[in-house]
Protein backbone atom coordinates (compact mmCIF):
# COMPACT_ATOMS: atom_id res chain seq x y z
CA MET A 1 0.24 -0.06 -0.14
CA GLU A 2 1.26 3.30 -0.96
CA GLY A 3 1.08 6.81 1.14
CA TRP A 4 2.71 8.91 3.81
CA GLN A 5 4.54 7.77 6.30
CA GLY A 6 4.78 10.47 9.34
CA LEU A 7 7.98 11.87 10.74
CA GLY A 8 8.77 14.18 13.94
CA PRO A 9 5.40 14.90 15.83
CA ASN A 10 3.39 12.41 13.06
CA ARG A 11 5.78 9.42 13.79
CA GLY A 12 3.85 6.38 14.10
CA ARG A 13 1.30 7.70 11.52
CA PHE A 14 0.19 6.28 8.36
CA VAL A 15 -2.04 7.67 5.50
CA SER A 16 -2.98 5.76 2.72
CA ARG A 17 -3.21 7.27 -0.78
CA ALA A 18 -6.90 6.88 -0.86
CA GLU A 19 -7.35 8.63 2.67
CA GLY A 20 -4.90 11.65 1.70
CA PHE A 21 -7.09 14.24 0.06
CA ALA A 22 -9.42 13.87 3.14
CA VAL A 23 -6.71 13.93 5.69
CA ALA A 24 -5.73 17.21 4.53
CA CYS A 25 -9.01 18.98 4.04
CA ARG A 26 -9.67 17.88 7.67
CA GLY A 27 -5.93 18.80 8.49
CA CYS A 28 -6.52 22.37 6.66
CA GLY A 29 -10.65 22.69 8.00
CA ILE A 30 -12.32 22.33 4.63
CA LEU A 31 -15.42 20.63 5.30
CA GLN A 32 -17.12 20.98 1.85
CA TRP A 33 -15.61 20.66 -1.88
CA ASP A 34 -17.35 20.28 -4.99
CA PRO A 35 -15.23 17.70 -7.25
CA ARG A 36 -16.74 19.01 -10.08
CA ALA A 37 -15.45 22.37 -10.16
CA ALA A 38 -13.18 23.83 -12.86
CA GLU A 39 -10.02 23.41 -11.29
CA ALA A 40 -11.31 20.68 -8.70
CA ALA A 41 -8.34 17.95 -9.50
CA GLU A 42 -5.54 20.61 -9.49
CA PHE A 43 -6.67 21.91 -6.32
CA LYS A 44 -6.72 18.01 -4.64
CA ALA A 45 -3.42 17.52 -5.86
CA MET A 46 -2.14 20.64 -4.92
CA LEU A 47 -3.57 20.37 -1.33
CA GLU A 48 -2.13 16.76 -0.68
CA GLU A 49 1.33 18.21 -2.06
CA TRP A 50 1.10 20.63 0.12
CA TYR A 51 -0.03 19.23 3.43
CA PHE A 52 2.20 15.98 3.16
CA SER A 53 5.19 18.14 2.21
CA GLY A 54 6.65 18.85 5.55
CA ASN A 55 6.70 15.95 8.48
CA TRP A 56 5.90 13.14 5.89
CA ILE A 57 7.63 10.85 3.77
CA TRP A 58 5.86 8.84 0.80
CA LYS A 59 5.97 5.15 0.82
CA GLU A 60 5.53 3.06 -2.13
CA ASP A 61 5.70 0.51 0.17
CA THR A 62 4.37 -0.01 4.07
CA ASP A 63 6.24 -3.12 5.02
CA GLU A 64 6.78 -2.96 8.72
CA GLU A 65 10.19 -4.49 8.71
CA GLN A 66 11.30 -2.08 5.70
CA MET A 67 10.40 0.89 8.03
CA ASP A 68 12.10 -0.29 11.10
CA LEU A 69 14.97 -0.37 9.25
CA ALA A 70 14.97 3.00 8.02
CA GLY A 71 14.38 3.83 11.71
CA LEU A 72 10.63 5.23 10.89
């Protein structure tokens, strides 16, 4: 499963790609949005990129052994 692995204050958290946009919206206080809006796809991609740019690292494989070896 691919997604974002938390670092620092987010250590121990994992957010899957499928949940990423919803988590970013909640974290920013966005309660509603219209997926039919003209720039909806661009907004979704931009928000995820911005929200997870801090204390998060993208992971292609969440195998616990690999994460332990990396010290995460």
